Amino acid sequence: MSDFVLTYETNMQVVILAAGRGKRMQALTEDLPKPLLTVLGNNLIEHKIDVLPQEIDEVIIVTGYLGDKIKKHFGDNFKSKKIKYAEQTDLLGTMMALKQAKTLLEGRFMVMMGDDIYSKEDVASCLKHSWAVLVKKMTDKIRGARVDVDSNKHITDIVEGVELEPGMLNNTGLYVLHTDIFKYPLVQIPSGEFGLPQTVAKAAKDFEISIVESKNWHQITSPEDLEKVEKALEEEQKTA
């Protein structure tokens, strides 16, 4: 394993991957990029910015489909966070999306998917590690991305598109990485895209990549999910 000294940066970056169209959202994304869909009055990118700690002071949004609408909404500063943009013209997967932000990144950084909702607690827990992946322990059978770990809870592999049994770990798409990730060759998956999970699995052979079990992660893949997640967040607010 490579040596990595963990430091708690006061000026850290997050990359939000927000280039995709979200075809499964049907008519909702005909004129609006999926990351601008709203849940409880805030769009999906705003939900992510709201859970960022003070030390993450710069947000890099990777745009693609209807990216101008995202740029118009957030500008170059939003809720005291500096906003920068990278563009993914060819939608060839999450690692290719992240690569568009390479020249803007320094050292350790966080990555979030543009269409998921994460919690402050989970983000803070991930930032305690030099490299990390936020995972969700399954309670039901579901198709997802299985995260395999060793006895020290360090990642050994990430396998996408498989049936997960209860107790297995599912990748949530939130990572703490380092610019060393760009030293690894792109990994092409059967769809022809280049996947970030596959590159992270390669890096796990050289770095100890920890898992953090999520206490509160909401995935949005369909119009029905928007309503379901909104109800779940309303219940969470009542009990907070």
C-alpha atoms as a PDB file:
ATOM      1  CA  MET A   1       0.000   0.000   0.000  1.00  0.00           C
ATOM      2  CA  SER A   2       1.152   3.543  -0.732  1.00  0.00           C
ATOM      3  CA  ASP A   3       1.752   5.936   2.141  1.00  0.00           C
ATOM      4  CA  PHE A   4      -0.677   8.806   2.532  1.00  0.00           C
ATOM      5  CA  VAL A   5      -0.601  11.298   5.367  1.00  0.00           C
ATOM      6  CA  LEU A   6      -4.087  12.536   6.191  1.00  0.00           C
ATOM      7  CA  THR A   7      -4.372  16.256   6.663  1.00  0.00           C
ATOM      8  CA  TYR A   8      -7.567  18.148   7.347  1.00  0.00           C
ATOM      9  CA  GLU A   9      -7.673  20.737   4.616  1.00  0.00           C
ATOM     10  CA  THR A  10      -9.258  24.107   5.214  1.00  0.00           C
ATOM     11  CA  ASN A  11      -9.722  24.634   1.488  1.00  0.00           C
ATOM     12  CA  MET A  12     -11.082  21.451  -0.027  1.00  0.00           C
ATOM     13  CA  GLN A  13     -13.032  20.805  -3.219  1.00  0.00           C
ATOM     14  CA  VAL A  14     -16.025  18.700  -4.176  1.00  0.00           C
ATOM     15  CA  VAL A  15     -16.893  17.559  -7.680  1.00  0.00           C
ATOM     16  CA  ILE A  16     -20.577  17.087  -8.470  1.00  0.00           C
ATOM     17  CA  LEU A  17     -21.149  14.935 -11.558  1.00  0.00           C
ATOM     18  CA  ALA A  18     -24.195  16.520 -13.195  1.00  0.00           C
ATOM     19  CA  ALA A  19     -23.773  15.944 -16.935  1.00  0.00           C
ATOM     20  CA  GLY A  20     -26.360  13.244 -17.625  1.00  0.00           C
ATOM     21  CA  ARG A  21     -29.855  13.758 -18.939  1.00  0.00           C
ATOM     22  CA  GLY A  22     -31.680  11.343 -16.673  1.00  0.00           C
ATOM     23  CA  LYS A  23     -33.772   9.679 -19.382  1.00  0.00           C
ATOM     24  CA  ARG A  24     -35.675   7.583 -16.856  1.00  0.00           C
ATOM     25  CA  MET A  25     -37.178  10.809 -15.498  1.00  0.00           C
ATOM     26  CA  GLN A  26     -39.130  11.006 -18.785  1.00  0.00           C
ATOM     27  CA  ALA A  27     -40.875  14.341 -19.451  1.00  0.00           C
ATOM     28  CA  LEU A  28     -39.434  15.932 -16.306  1.00  0.00           C
ATOM     29  CA  THR A  29     -36.034  16.328 -17.976  1.00  0.00           C
ATOM     30  CA  GLU A  30     -37.115  17.389 -21.458  1.00  0.00           C
ATOM     31  CA  ASP A  31     -36.342  21.035 -20.658  1.00  0.00           C
ATOM     32  CA  LEU A  32     -34.494  20.716 -17.371  1.00  0.00           C
ATOM     33  CA  PRO A  33     -31.356  18.783 -16.389  1.00  0.00           C
ATOM     34  CA  LYS A  34     -32.059  16.134 -13.772  1.00  0.00           C
ATOM     35  CA  PRO A  35     -29.841  17.769 -11.093  1.00  0.00           C
ATOM     36  CA  LEU A  36     -32.161  20.811 -11.155  1.00  0.00           C
ATOM     37  CA  LEU A  37     -35.265  18.789 -10.290  1.00  0.00           C
ATOM     38  CA  THR A  38     -36.593  19.853  -6.903  1.00  0.00           C
ATOM     39  CA  VAL A  39     -37.319  18.008  -3.681  1.00  0.00           C
ATOM     40  CA  LEU A  40     -38.876  20.013  -0.834  1.00  0.00           C
ATOM     41  CA  GLY A  41     -38.218  23.275  -2.649  1.00  0.00           C
ATOM     42  CA  ASN A  42     -34.504  22.754  -3.307  1.00  0.00           C
ATOM     43  CA  ASN A  43     -32.970  21.253  -6.411  1.00  0.00           C
ATOM     44  CA  LEU A  44     -30.758  18.188  -6.153  1.00  0.00           C
ATOM     45  CA  ILE A  45     -27.495  20.127  -6.415  1.00  0.00           C
ATOM     46  CA  GLU A  46     -28.642  22.557  -3.696  1.00  0.00           C
ATOM     47  CA  HIS A  47     -29.316  19.593  -1.424  1.00  0.00           C
ATOM     48  CA  LYS A  48     -25.677  18.550  -1.864  1.00  0.00           C
ATOM     49  CA  ILE A  49     -24.263  22.021  -1.263  1.00  0.00           C
ATOM     50  CA  ASP A  50     -26.359  22.289   1.910  1.00  0.00           C
ATOM     51  CA  VAL A  51     -24.630  19.271   3.502  1.00  0.00           C
ATOM     52  CA  LEU A  52     -21.060  20.407   2.785  1.00  0.00           C
ATOM     53  CA  PRO A  53     -18.899  21.389   5.768  1.00  0.00           C
ATOM     54  CA  GLN A  54     -17.102  24.712   5.956  1.00  0.00           C
ATOM     55  CA  GLU A  55     -13.751  23.237   4.889  1.00  0.00           C
ATOM     56  CA  ILE A  56     -15.181  22.364   1.476  1.00  0.00           C
ATOM     57  CA  ASP A  57     -15.289  25.855   0.045  1.00  0.00           C
ATOM     58  CA  GLU A  58     -15.156  25.128  -3.694  1.00  0.00           C
ATOM     59  CA  VAL A  59     -17.699  23.218  -5.770  1.00  0.00           C
ATOM     60  CA  ILE A  60     -16.856  21.983  -9.258  1.00  0.00           C
ATOM     61  CA  ILE A  61     -19.939  21.019 -11.241  1.00  0.00           C
ATOM     62  CA  VAL A  62     -19.400  18.810 -14.289  1.00  0.00           C
ATOM     63  CA  THR A  63     -22.156  19.790 -16.698  1.00  0.00           C
ATOM     64  CA  GLY A  64     -23.396  18.342 -19.964  1.00  0.00           C
ATOM     65  CA  TYR A  65     -27.071  18.116 -20.904  1.00  0.00           C
ATOM     66  CA  LEU A  66     -28.611  21.614 -20.602  1.00  0.00           C
ATOM     67  CA  GLY A  67     -25.543  22.688 -18.665  1.00  0.00           C
ATOM     68  CA  ASP A  68     -26.213  26.381 -19.297  1.00  0.00           C
ATOM     69  CA  LYS A  69     -29.260  26.167 -17.033  1.00  0.00           C
ATOM     70  CA  ILE A  70     -27.105  24.858 -14.199  1.00  0.00           C
ATOM     71  CA  LYS A  71     -24.538  27.626 -14.747  1.00  0.00           C
ATOM     72  CA  LYS A  72     -27.253  30.284 -14.813  1.00  0.00           C
ATOM     73  CA  HIS A  73     -28.750  29.024 -11.553  1.00  0.00           C
ATOM     74  CA  PHE A  74     -25.528  28.768  -9.536  1.00  0.00           C
ATOM     75  CA  GLY A  75     -23.251  31.372 -11.142  1.00  0.00           C
ATOM     76  CA  ASP A  76     -19.744  31.598  -9.678  1.00  0.00           C
ATOM     77  CA  ASN A  77     -20.747  31.757  -6.009  1.00  0.00           C
ATOM     78  CA  PHE A  78     -23.585  30.053  -4.168  1.00  0.00           C
ATOM     79  CA  LYS A  79     -24.215  29.965  -0.411  1.00  0.00           C
ATOM     80  CA  SER A  80     -20.639  31.126   0.276  1.00  0.00           C
ATOM     81  CA  LYS A  81     -19.138  28.377  -1.885  1.00  0.00           C
ATOM     82  CA  LYS A  82     -17.018  29.201  -4.912  1.00  0.00           C
ATOM     83  CA  ILE A  83     -18.499  27.517  -7.992  1.00  0.00           C
ATOM     84  CA  LYS A  84     -16.493  26.329 -10.981  1.00  0.00           C
ATOM     85  CA  TYR A  85     -17.526  24.282 -13.991  1.00  0.00           C
ATOM     86  CA  ALA A  86     -16.139  21.576 -16.236  1.00  0.00           C
ATOM     87  CA  GLU A  87     -17.990  20.319 -19.299  1.00  0.00           C
ATOM     88  CA  GLN A  88     -18.489  16.739 -20.439  1.00  0.00           C
ATOM     89  CA  THR A  89     -19.386  16.919 -24.122  1.00  0.00           C
ATOM     90  CA  ASP A  90     -19.400  13.156 -24.724  1.00  0.00           C
ATOM     91  CA  LEU A  91     -21.337  11.327 -22.023  1.00  0.00           C
ATOM     92  CA  LEU A  92     -18.940   8.413 -21.662  1.00  0.00           C
ATOM     93  CA  GLY A  93     -19.282   7.521 -18.012  1.00  0.00           C
ATOM     94  CA  THR A  94     -18.477   8.763 -14.538  1.00  0.00           C
ATOM     95  CA  MET A  95     -14.682   8.478 -14.742  1.00  0.00           C
ATOM     96  CA  MET A  96     -14.674  10.404 -18.008  1.00  0.00           C
ATOM     97  CA  ALA A  97     -16.859  13.015 -16.305  1.00  0.00           C
ATOM     98  CA  LEU A  98     -14.451  13.310 -13.386  1.00  0.00           C
ATOM     99  CA  LYS A  99     -11.510  13.576 -15.773  1.00  0.00           C
ATOM    100  CA  GLN A 100     -12.986  16.813 -17.149  1.00  0.00           C
ATOM    101  CA  ALA A 101     -12.323  18.400 -13.745  1.00  0.00           C
ATOM    102  CA  LYS A 102      -8.734  17.130 -13.482  1.00  0.00           C
ATOM    103  CA  THR A 103      -7.026  20.458 -14.181  1.00  0.00           C
ATOM    104  CA  LEU A 104      -9.139  22.189 -11.510  1.00  0.00           C
ATOM    105  CA  LEU A 105      -8.347  19.743  -8.712  1.00  0.00           C
ATOM    106  CA  GLU A 106      -5.592  19.770  -6.111  1.00  0.00           C
ATOM    107  CA  GLY A 107      -4.823  16.992  -3.641  1.00  0.00           C
ATOM    108  CA  ARG A 108      -7.698  15.379  -1.779  1.00  0.00           C
ATOM    109  CA  PHE A 109     -11.287  16.006  -2.893  1.00  0.00           C
ATOM    110  CA  MET A 110     -14.827  14.656  -2.647  1.00  0.00           C
ATOM    111  CA  VAL A 111     -17.037  13.361  -5.467  1.00  0.00           C
ATOM    112  CA  MET A 112     -20.847  13.279  -5.396  1.00  0.00           C
ATOM    113  CA  MET A 113     -23.367  12.050  -7.923  1.00  0.00           C
ATOM    114  CA  GLY A 114     -25.608  14.847  -9.200  1.00  0.00           C
ATOM    115  CA  ASP A 115     -28.889  13.043  -8.621  1.00  0.00           C
ATOM    116  CA  ASP A 116     -28.518  11.551  -5.131  1.00  0.00           C
ATOM    117  CA  ILE A 117     -29.214  13.158  -1.761  1.00  0.00           C
ATOM    118  CA  TYR A 118     -26.671  12.700   1.022  1.00  0.00           C
ATOM    119  CA  SER A 119     -26.584  13.751   4.675  1.00  0.00           C
ATOM    120  CA  LYS A 120     -24.265  16.050   6.632  1.00  0.00           C
ATOM    121  CA  GLU A 121     -23.414  13.194   8.974  1.00  0.00           C
ATOM    122  CA  ASP A 122     -22.356  10.860   6.166  1.00  0.00           C
ATOM    123  CA  VAL A 123     -20.279  13.559   4.464  1.00  0.00           C
ATOM    124  CA  ALA A 124     -18.496  14.373   7.731  1.00  0.00           C
ATOM    125  CA  SER A 125     -17.796  10.684   8.386  1.00  0.00           C
ATOM    126  CA  CYS A 126     -16.275  10.215   4.933  1.00  0.00           C
ATOM    127  CA  LEU A 127     -13.986  13.205   5.411  1.00  0.00           C
ATOM    128  CA  LYS A 128     -12.334  11.480   8.374  1.00  0.00           C
ATOM    129  CA  HIS A 129     -10.563   9.192   5.895  1.00  0.00           C
ATOM    130  CA  SER A 130      -7.846   9.843   3.342  1.00  0.00           C
ATOM    131  CA  TRP A 131      -9.679   7.761   0.722  1.00  0.00           C
ATOM    132  CA  ALA A 132     -13.257   6.574   1.251  1.00  0.00           C
ATOM    133  CA  VAL A 133     -16.427   5.312  -0.386  1.00  0.00           C
ATOM    134  CA  LEU A 134     -19.855   5.790   1.163  1.00  0.00           C
ATOM    135  CA  VAL A 135     -21.785   2.518   1.071  1.00  0.00           C
ATOM    136  CA  LYS A 136     -25.240   1.368   2.074  1.00  0.00           C
ATOM    137  CA  LYS A 137     -25.791  -2.001   3.723  1.00  0.00           C
ATOM    138  CA  MET A 138     -28.734  -3.609   1.963  1.00  0.00           C
ATOM    139  CA  THR A 139     -31.800  -4.815   3.838  1.00  0.00           C
ATOM    140  CA  ASP A 140     -33.597  -6.054   0.707  1.00  0.00           C
ATOM    141  CA  LYS A 141     -32.638  -7.637  -2.587  1.00  0.00           C
ATOM    142  CA  ILE A 142     -31.739  -4.981  -5.143  1.00  0.00           C
ATOM    143  CA  ARG A 143     -29.688  -4.580  -8.292  1.00  0.00           C
ATOM    144  CA  GLY A 144     -26.730  -2.315  -7.667  1.00  0.00           C
ATOM    145  CA  ALA A 145     -22.967  -1.977  -7.315  1.00  0.00           C
ATOM    146  CA  ARG A 146     -21.500  -4.443  -4.833  1.00  0.00           C
ATOM    147  CA  VAL A 147     -18.584  -3.212  -2.742  1.00  0.00           C
ATOM    148  CA  ASP A 148     -16.259  -5.960  -1.501  1.00  0.00           C
ATOM    149  CA  VAL A 149     -14.040  -5.351   1.532  1.00  0.00           C
ATOM    150  CA  ASP A 150     -11.358  -7.142   3.525  1.00  0.00           C
ATOM    151  CA  SER A 151     -11.305  -7.807   7.268  1.00  0.00           C
ATOM    152  CA  ASN A 152     -10.142  -4.231   7.904  1.00  0.00           C
ATOM    153  CA  LYS A 153     -13.073  -2.800   5.939  1.00  0.00           C
ATOM    154  CA  HIS A 154     -10.839  -1.641   3.132  1.00  0.00           C
ATOM    155  CA  ILE A 155     -12.154  -1.980  -0.406  1.00  0.00           C
ATOM    156  CA  THR A 156     -10.955  -4.881  -2.540  1.00  0.00           C
ATOM    157  CA  ASP A 157     -13.381  -4.513  -5.459  1.00  0.00           C
ATOM    158  CA  ILE A 158     -16.505  -2.756  -6.763  1.00  0.00           C
ATOM    159  CA  VAL A 159     -18.743  -4.754  -9.099  1.00  0.00           C
ATOM    160  CA  GLU A 160     -21.603  -2.972 -10.870  1.00  0.00           C
ATOM    161  CA  GLY A 161     -24.837  -4.366 -12.263  1.00  0.00           C
ATOM    162  CA  VAL A 162     -25.223  -7.308  -9.889  1.00  0.00           C
ATOM    163  CA  GLU A 163     -27.982  -8.587  -7.630  1.00  0.00           C
ATOM    164  CA  LEU A 164     -27.312  -7.617  -4.027  1.00  0.00           C
ATOM    165  CA  GLU A 165     -28.522  -9.740  -1.138  1.00  0.00           C
ATOM    166  CA  PRO A 166     -29.404  -8.350   2.306  1.00  0.00           C
ATOM    167  CA  GLY A 167     -26.227  -7.543   4.213  1.00  0.00           C
ATOM    168  CA  MET A 168     -24.213  -6.739   1.098  1.00  0.00           C
ATOM    169  CA  LEU A 169     -22.769  -3.263   0.567  1.00  0.00           C
ATOM    170  CA  ASN A 170     -24.034  -1.016  -2.243  1.00  0.00           C
ATOM    171  CA  ASN A 171     -21.986   1.866  -3.656  1.00  0.00           C
ATOM    172  CA  THR A 172     -23.736   5.223  -3.149  1.00  0.00           C
ATOM    173  CA  GLY A 173     -21.479   7.166  -5.518  1.00  0.00           C
ATOM    174  CA  LEU A 174     -19.944   9.416  -2.854  1.00  0.00           C
ATOM    175  CA  TYR A 175     -16.150   9.238  -2.709  1.00  0.00           C
ATOM    176  CA  VAL A 176     -13.202  10.882  -1.009  1.00  0.00           C
ATOM    177  CA  LEU A 177     -10.315  10.616  -3.468  1.00  0.00           C
ATOM    178  CA  HIS A 178      -6.963  12.152  -4.309  1.00  0.00           C
ATOM    179  CA  THR A 179      -5.625  13.419  -7.614  1.00  0.00           C
ATOM    180  CA  ASP A 180      -3.522  10.234  -7.677  1.00  0.00           C
ATOM    181  CA  ILE A 181      -6.697   8.625  -9.070  1.00  0.00           C
ATOM    182  CA  PHE A 182      -5.845  10.157 -12.443  1.00  0.00           C
ATOM    183  CA  LYS A 183      -2.649   8.086 -12.642  1.00  0.00           C
ATOM    184  CA  TYR A 184      -4.732   4.983 -13.331  1.00  0.00           C
ATOM    185  CA  PRO A 185      -5.807   4.040 -16.864  1.00  0.00           C
ATOM    186  CA  LEU A 186      -9.475   4.430 -17.719  1.00  0.00           C
ATOM    187  CA  VAL A 187     -11.462   1.214 -17.372  1.00  0.00           C
ATOM    188  CA  GLN A 188     -14.031   0.634 -20.106  1.00  0.00           C
ATOM    189  CA  ILE A 189     -17.200  -1.183 -19.082  1.00  0.00           C
ATOM    190  CA  PRO A 190     -19.504  -3.236 -21.364  1.00  0.00           C
ATOM    191  CA  SER A 191     -21.671  -0.199 -22.175  1.00  0.00           C
ATOM    192  CA  GLY A 192     -18.634   1.466 -23.739  1.00  0.00           C
ATOM    193  CA  GLU A 193     -18.426   4.027 -20.945  1.00  0.00           C
ATOM    194  CA  PHE A 194     -15.546   4.512 -18.521  1.00  0.00           C
ATOM    195  CA  GLY A 195     -16.533   3.914 -14.913  1.00  0.00           C
ATOM    196  CA  LEU A 196     -15.286   5.674 -11.809  1.00  0.00           C
ATOM    197  CA  PRO A 197     -16.018   2.660  -9.542  1.00  0.00           C
ATOM    198  CA  GLN A 198     -13.769   0.483 -11.688  1.00  0.00           C
ATOM    199  CA  THR A 199     -10.926   3.008 -11.461  1.00  0.00           C
ATOM    200  CA  VAL A 200     -11.398   3.288  -7.695  1.00  0.00           C
ATOM    201  CA  ALA A 201     -11.136  -0.515  -7.495  1.00  0.00           C
ATOM    202  CA  LYS A 202      -7.802  -0.286  -9.335  1.00  0.00           C
ATOM    203  CA  ALA A 203      -6.565   2.365  -6.894  1.00  0.00           C
ATOM    204  CA  ALA A 204      -7.615   0.134  -3.982  1.00  0.00           C
ATOM    205  CA  LYS A 205      -4.742  -2.196  -4.866  1.00  0.00           C
ATOM    206  CA  ASP A 206      -2.303   0.598  -3.977  1.00  0.00           C
ATOM    207  CA  PHE A 207      -4.181   2.660  -1.386  1.00  0.00           C
ATOM    208  CA  GLU A 208      -6.245   1.731   1.653  1.00  0.00           C
ATOM    209  CA  ILE A 209      -9.725   2.912   0.685  1.00  0.00           C
ATOM    210  CA  SER A 210     -12.107   2.825   3.634  1.00  0.00           C
ATOM    211  CA  ILE A 211     -15.833   2.283   3.578  1.00  0.00           C
ATOM    212  CA  VAL A 212     -18.286   4.421   5.511  1.00  0.00           C
ATOM    213  CA  GLU A 213     -21.733   2.938   6.055  1.00  0.00           C
ATOM    214  CA  SER A 214     -24.414   5.476   5.212  1.00  0.00           C
ATOM    215  CA  LYS A 215     -27.054   6.365   7.734  1.00  0.00           C
ATOM    216  CA  ASN A 216     -29.105   8.422   5.295  1.00  0.00           C
ATOM    217  CA  TRP A 217     -28.811   8.161   1.500  1.00  0.00           C
ATOM    218  CA  HIS A 218     -31.561   8.755  -1.041  1.00  0.00           C
ATOM    219  CA  GLN A 219     -31.184   7.602  -4.634  1.00  0.00           C
ATOM    220  CA  ILE A 220     -33.407   9.151  -7.308  1.00  0.00           C
ATOM    221  CA  THR A 221     -33.753   7.194 -10.539  1.00  0.00           C
ATOM    222  CA  SER A 222     -37.416   7.671 -11.505  1.00  0.00           C
ATOM    223  CA  PRO A 223     -40.281  10.180 -11.173  1.00  0.00           C
ATOM    224  CA  GLU A 224     -41.752   7.972  -8.461  1.00  0.00           C
ATOM    225  CA  ASP A 225     -38.546   8.318  -6.454  1.00  0.00           C
ATOM    226  CA  LEU A 226     -38.980  12.103  -6.287  1.00  0.00           C
ATOM    227  CA  GLU A 227     -42.283  11.753  -4.443  1.00  0.00           C
ATOM    228  CA  LYS A 228     -40.990   8.927  -2.253  1.00  0.00           C
ATOM    229  CA  VAL A 229     -37.838  10.814  -1.261  1.00  0.00           C
ATOM    230  CA  GLU A 230     -39.786  14.000  -0.565  1.00  0.00           C
ATOM    231  CA  LYS A 231     -42.033  12.124   1.863  1.00  0.00           C
ATOM    232  CA  ALA A 232     -39.008  10.515   3.510  1.00  0.00           C
ATOM    233  CA  LEU A 233     -37.294  13.879   3.986  1.00  0.00           C
ATOM    234  CA  GLU A 234     -40.472  15.362   5.438  1.00  0.00           C
ATOM    235  CA  GLU A 235     -40.577  12.556   8.009  1.00  0.00           C
ATOM    236  CA  GLU A 236     -36.896  13.073   8.820  1.00  0.00           C
ATOM    237  CA  GLN A 237     -37.513  16.773   9.442  1.00  0.00           C
ATOM    238  CA  LYS A 238     -40.354  15.964  11.837  1.00  0.00           C
ATOM    239  CA  THR A 239     -38.144  13.698  13.935  1.00  0.00           C
ATOM    240  CA  ALA A 240     -34.985  15.840  13.771  1.00  0.00           C
END
